[in-house]
Structures are given as C-alpha cells and as structure tokens.
Amino acid sequence: MKKSAFTMIELVMVIVVLGILASLAMPRMERDSRQEAGDNILSAIRYTQHMALMDDKTNPNSATWQRALWQIRFSNSGNEWWYTIASNNDLNNNLDQNESAIDPANGHYMHSGNATIDSDESPNIFLTKKYGINNVTINDCTNQSNVLGMPNHIAFDYMGRPHRSVTQGGNHDFRTYINSMDCVLTFSFESGEDNLIIRIARETGYAQIVDQNAS
C-alpha cells in the first residue's frame, strides 16, 4: 500500500506560517493586557456605583454622613497599586475589611491594607501585580475651593452621582458632589505602553474608557 505523508518542504512551510501567525499575535496579547486592566477598573467603578444605588447612606443626623458613601479608593505602597471598594460605615478615615464589598467573581473581599495578597482578598484589585500599573492619578474634578485635598477616591450617592473628598465631612450638604467638571482617572504602565484613561461624567457618574487624546 502507498502511504501519504507530508514532505519536508510542506513541514517547513507549516512552521513558517505558524511563526508568522505567532508574530502577529504578540502585539495583540500586549493590547489585551491593557484592555483587561481597563475592563477590570471600569467594572469596579460601575460596581461601586451599583452598590451606592442599592444603599442610601444619607443621614441628616450626622455631620459627616458623606464618609459612608460607597467609594472606590486607589492606594499604593511604593510602586505597588491596588483599589478598595467600601462604605465607611463608622465614619472615620479608614476603610476596614468588614466595610468592603465582596468580589462577585470569587467571593473575596475587595479590600487590602497593603500590597500583599491575603487569602481572603480578591486578586483582581491588585493593579500592579495583575496588569503592571505603576501610577494612578485623578484630576481635580471638584473645582471647588471648599473641598480640601486631592484624595485618590471617587464616591457615589444613592442616585449614582459622583463625589470627591468625602472624608472631609459635609455638614448635611452636598459640597462634595461633582457637578463642575468630569473626573479623569489616568493609569500608567511599567511597560511604557499608552496610558489607560477612564472618564467619570460629572452629575451622572457615567464611566467610560476614552482615547488618550480625548482627555
């Protein structure tokens, strides 16, 4: 019987084609890492807003009730960045683990006090370890002289509206309410690839990834 098989030339051609496909796929893999980071952070912001929509924290009996608004806070230790999603129920400046949200993807806390991943903490919140993000900045989107500091957090109220500097209290008003300009969050990468930019619209809190030139 005559047996059919690949010739040496055919095998070489297959290897060449696979090499070409692999070289074309490499840039795609790099873009996916940045896209995955964007999807993660965007989902986290929207999840924070969702938690706020489901949980009215307004309390006219407390001068610092705004500290209890659901917020996403970006923290760092050296060059290691992570985020926490929590509601500061005890109205101090700390976000405790028992005040934090649970990651629906794995059932772990979306909270950490340092750059080390503990067994009960979601690995999705560790931006440097997971995506190589080495810096996070938020523009001064309040544009209000009576809101102090430049904190790395965005909070939402029960109507889904964005707030900033909620740790400063509020005296029963909405002085932390962002209604003058959009918030722009910029994430830089260790690899030097293009920054990831997420814009949170003033008043509505709508979050979306934008082109770097549109910031």
Protein backbone atom coordinates (compact mmCIF):
# COMPACT_ATOMS: atom_id res chain seq x y z
CA MET A 1 0.00 0.00 0.00
CA LYS A 2 1.11 3.53 -0.77
CA LYS A 3 1.33 5.72 2.34
CA SER A 4 0.77 9.51 2.13
CA ALA A 5 2.79 11.88 4.28
CA PHE A 6 3.96 15.48 4.42
CA THR A 7 7.10 16.28 2.53
CA MET A 8 9.92 18.18 4.19
CA ILE A 9 9.03 21.31 2.21
CA GLU A 10 5.42 21.13 3.39
CA LEU A 11 6.52 20.80 7.02
CA VAL A 12 8.85 23.79 6.66
CA MET A 13 6.02 25.85 5.16
CA VAL A 14 3.73 24.94 8.06
CA ILE A 15 6.40 26.04 10.56
CA VAL A 16 6.89 29.32 8.67
CA VAL A 17 3.16 30.03 8.64
CA LEU A 18 2.88 29.28 12.37
CA GLY A 19 5.80 31.62 13.04
CA ILE A 20 4.11 34.41 11.09
CA LEU A 21 0.85 33.91 12.96
CA ALA A 22 2.69 33.93 16.29
CA SER A 23 4.46 37.19 15.44
CA LEU A 24 1.15 38.79 14.51
CA ALA A 25 -0.43 37.59 17.74
CA MET A 26 2.23 39.10 20.05
CA PRO A 27 1.07 42.75 19.75
CA ARG A 28 -2.47 41.53 20.21
CA MET A 29 -1.50 39.88 23.51
CA GLU A 30 0.09 43.13 24.71
CA ARG A 31 -3.05 45.09 23.84
CA ASP A 32 -5.17 42.52 25.67
CA SER A 33 -3.30 43.14 28.94
CA ARG A 34 -4.13 46.85 28.79
CA GLN A 35 -7.70 46.11 27.73
CA GLU A 36 -8.14 43.65 30.59
CA ALA A 37 -6.96 46.32 33.03
CA GLY A 38 -9.48 48.75 31.57
CA ASP A 39 -12.31 46.23 31.77
CA ASN A 40 -11.41 45.41 35.38
CA ILE A 41 -11.23 49.01 36.60
CA LEU A 42 -14.29 50.12 34.65
CA SER A 43 -16.29 47.22 36.08
CA ALA A 44 -15.05 48.09 39.59
CA ILE A 45 -16.17 51.72 39.22
CA ARG A 46 -19.58 50.68 37.94
CA TYR A 47 -19.87 48.08 40.71
CA THR A 48 -19.17 50.81 43.27
CA GLN A 49 -21.89 52.95 41.75
CA HIS A 50 -24.26 49.97 41.76
CA MET A 51 -23.63 49.40 45.46
CA ALA A 52 -24.41 53.06 46.11
CA LEU A 53 -27.64 52.91 44.11
CA MET A 54 -28.76 49.98 46.25
CA ASP A 55 -27.80 51.57 49.57
CA ASP A 56 -28.92 55.07 50.61
CA LYS A 57 -26.29 56.45 53.00
CA THR A 58 -27.90 59.89 53.52
CA ASN A 59 -28.12 60.64 57.25
CA PRO A 60 -29.27 64.13 58.36
CA ASN A 61 -28.38 63.25 61.95
CA SER A 62 -24.66 63.07 61.20
CA ALA A 63 -22.47 65.96 60.04
CA THR A 64 -20.07 63.51 58.43
CA TRP A 65 -22.57 61.18 56.76
CA GLN A 66 -20.87 61.57 53.38
CA ARG A 67 -17.95 59.49 54.61
CA ALA A 68 -20.26 56.46 54.48
CA LEU A 69 -20.86 56.80 50.73
CA TRP A 70 -19.72 53.83 48.71
CA GLN A 71 -16.34 54.63 47.21
CA ILE A 72 -13.54 53.15 45.18
CA ARG A 73 -10.20 54.16 46.65
CA PHE A 74 -6.85 53.70 44.91
CA SER A 75 -3.94 53.07 47.28
CA ASN A 76 -0.24 52.42 46.87
CA SER A 77 2.77 51.22 48.78
CA GLY A 78 5.87 52.30 46.91
CA ASN A 79 5.18 51.39 43.29
CA GLU A 80 2.51 48.80 44.09
CA TRP A 81 -1.08 49.93 43.45
CA TRP A 82 -4.43 48.39 44.35
CA TYR A 83 -8.01 49.54 44.90
CA THR A 84 -10.60 49.05 47.62
CA ILE A 85 -14.38 49.26 47.31
CA ALA A 86 -16.08 50.03 50.60
CA SER A 87 -18.59 52.07 52.57
CA ASN A 88 -17.04 53.85 55.55
CA ASN A 89 -19.85 52.99 57.95
CA ASP A 90 -18.04 54.01 61.13
CA LEU A 91 -17.36 57.47 59.59
CA ASN A 92 -13.62 57.54 60.28
CA ASN A 93 -10.98 57.90 57.57
CA ASN A 94 -10.16 54.21 57.37
CA LEU A 95 -11.80 51.63 55.14
CA ASP A 96 -11.97 48.41 57.12
CA GLN A 97 -12.30 44.95 55.65
CA ASN A 98 -15.74 44.40 57.18
CA GLU A 99 -16.92 47.57 55.42
CA SER A 100 -15.76 46.45 51.99
CA ALA A 101 -17.59 44.90 49.06
CA ILE A 102 -17.31 41.24 48.08
CA ASP A 103 -15.95 40.43 44.64
CA PRO A 104 -18.77 38.59 42.84
CA ALA A 105 -16.18 36.79 40.73
CA ASN A 106 -14.56 34.91 43.62
CA GLY A 107 -16.35 35.77 46.89
CA HIS A 108 -13.30 37.52 48.39
CA TYR A 109 -13.01 40.99 49.91
CA MET A 110 -12.32 43.90 47.55
CA HIS A 111 -10.06 45.37 50.18
CA SER A 112 -6.43 45.38 51.21
CA GLY A 113 -4.28 47.35 53.61
CA ASN A 114 -1.06 46.71 51.72
CA ALA A 115 0.37 45.29 48.51
CA THR A 116 0.32 41.69 49.75
CA ILE A 117 -2.49 39.43 48.55
CA ASP A 118 -4.02 37.69 51.55
CA SER A 119 -6.06 34.52 51.13
CA ASP A 120 -9.38 36.31 51.77
CA GLU A 121 -8.64 39.20 49.40
CA SER A 122 -9.57 39.31 45.73
CA PRO A 123 -6.50 39.24 43.44
CA ASN A 124 -8.45 41.37 40.96
CA ILE A 125 -7.88 44.54 43.00
CA PHE A 126 -4.06 44.41 42.75
CA LEU A 127 -3.38 46.59 39.73
CA THR A 128 0.41 46.42 39.71
CA LYS A 129 0.69 42.68 40.24
CA LYS A 130 -2.04 41.85 37.74
CA TYR A 131 -1.51 44.46 34.99
CA GLY A 132 1.77 46.26 35.66
CA ILE A 133 0.10 49.58 36.54
CA ASN A 134 2.65 51.74 38.38
CA ASN A 135 0.79 55.03 38.87
CA VAL A 136 -2.78 56.28 39.30
CA THR A 137 -3.84 59.93 39.17
CA ILE A 138 -7.22 61.65 39.36
CA ASN A 139 -7.62 65.19 38.10
CA ASP A 140 -9.02 67.91 40.36
CA CYS A 141 -12.57 67.36 39.15
CA THR A 142 -14.28 69.19 42.01
CA ASN A 143 -13.13 72.70 41.10
CA GLN A 144 -14.50 73.83 44.46
CA SER A 145 -12.44 75.83 46.95
CA ASN A 146 -14.19 74.32 49.97
CA VAL A 147 -13.25 70.75 49.08
CA LEU A 148 -9.83 70.00 50.51
CA GLY A 149 -7.06 67.80 49.28
CA MET A 150 -6.60 65.55 46.27
CA PRO A 151 -7.70 62.12 47.56
CA ASN A 152 -7.41 59.04 45.36
CA HIS A 153 -11.07 58.06 45.60
CA ILE A 154 -14.39 58.53 43.86
CA ALA A 155 -17.61 58.03 45.82
CA PHE A 156 -21.24 57.73 44.72
CA ASP A 157 -24.52 58.62 46.40
CA TYR A 158 -27.86 56.80 46.27
CA MET A 159 -28.65 58.47 42.94
CA GLY A 160 -25.39 57.29 41.41
CA ARG A 161 -23.90 60.78 41.37
CA PRO A 162 -20.12 61.11 41.85
CA HIS A 163 -18.50 62.72 44.90
CA ARG A 164 -14.92 63.58 45.89
CA SER A 165 -13.21 64.34 49.20
CA VAL A 166 -15.96 62.66 51.22
CA THR A 167 -13.55 62.21 54.13
CA GLN A 168 -13.88 65.97 54.75
CA GLY A 169 -17.45 65.60 56.02
CA GLY A 170 -20.27 67.65 54.60
CA ASN A 171 -22.32 69.40 57.27
CA HIS A 172 -25.51 67.87 55.84
CA ASP A 173 -24.90 69.38 52.39
CA PHE A 174 -23.61 68.05 49.09
CA ARG A 175 -20.43 70.10 48.83
CA THR A 176 -18.51 67.01 47.68
CA TYR A 177 -20.92 66.47 44.79
CA ILE A 178 -19.07 66.68 41.45
CA ASN A 179 -21.05 68.93 39.13
CA SER A 180 -18.45 71.29 37.65
CA MET A 181 -16.24 69.04 35.53
CA ASP A 182 -15.70 65.39 34.67
CA CYS A 183 -13.26 63.25 36.64
CA VAL A 184 -10.40 61.79 34.61
CA LEU A 185 -8.50 58.81 36.01
CA THR A 186 -5.13 58.06 34.40
CA PHE A 187 -3.35 54.73 34.82
CA SER A 188 0.30 54.36 33.78
CA PHE A 189 2.05 51.08 32.99
CA GLU A 190 5.51 49.79 33.86
CA SER A 191 5.93 48.62 30.27
CA GLY A 192 5.63 52.17 28.95
CA GLU A 193 2.57 51.42 26.84
CA ASP A 194 -0.11 54.06 26.37
CA ASN A 195 -1.86 55.29 29.49
CA LEU A 196 -5.31 53.97 30.28
CA ILE A 197 -7.77 56.83 30.77
CA ILE A 198 -11.22 56.49 32.30
CA ARG A 199 -13.62 59.41 32.44
CA ILE A 200 -16.40 59.67 35.04
CA ALA A 201 -19.03 62.18 33.97
CA ARG A 202 -19.99 64.95 36.35
CA GLU A 203 -23.51 64.78 37.79
CA THR A 204 -24.38 61.37 36.30
CA GLY A 205 -21.32 59.33 37.30
CA TYR A 206 -21.27 57.54 33.94
CA ALA A 207 -17.84 55.91 33.48
CA GLN A 208 -16.17 55.02 30.22
CA ILE A 209 -12.74 54.37 28.74
CA VAL A 210 -11.67 57.22 26.46
CA ASP A 211 -8.98 57.76 23.91
CA GLN A 212 -5.80 59.29 25.34
CA ASN A 213 -6.16 62.30 23.03
CA ALA A 214 -9.71 62.94 24.27
CA SER A 215 -8.72 63.66 27.86
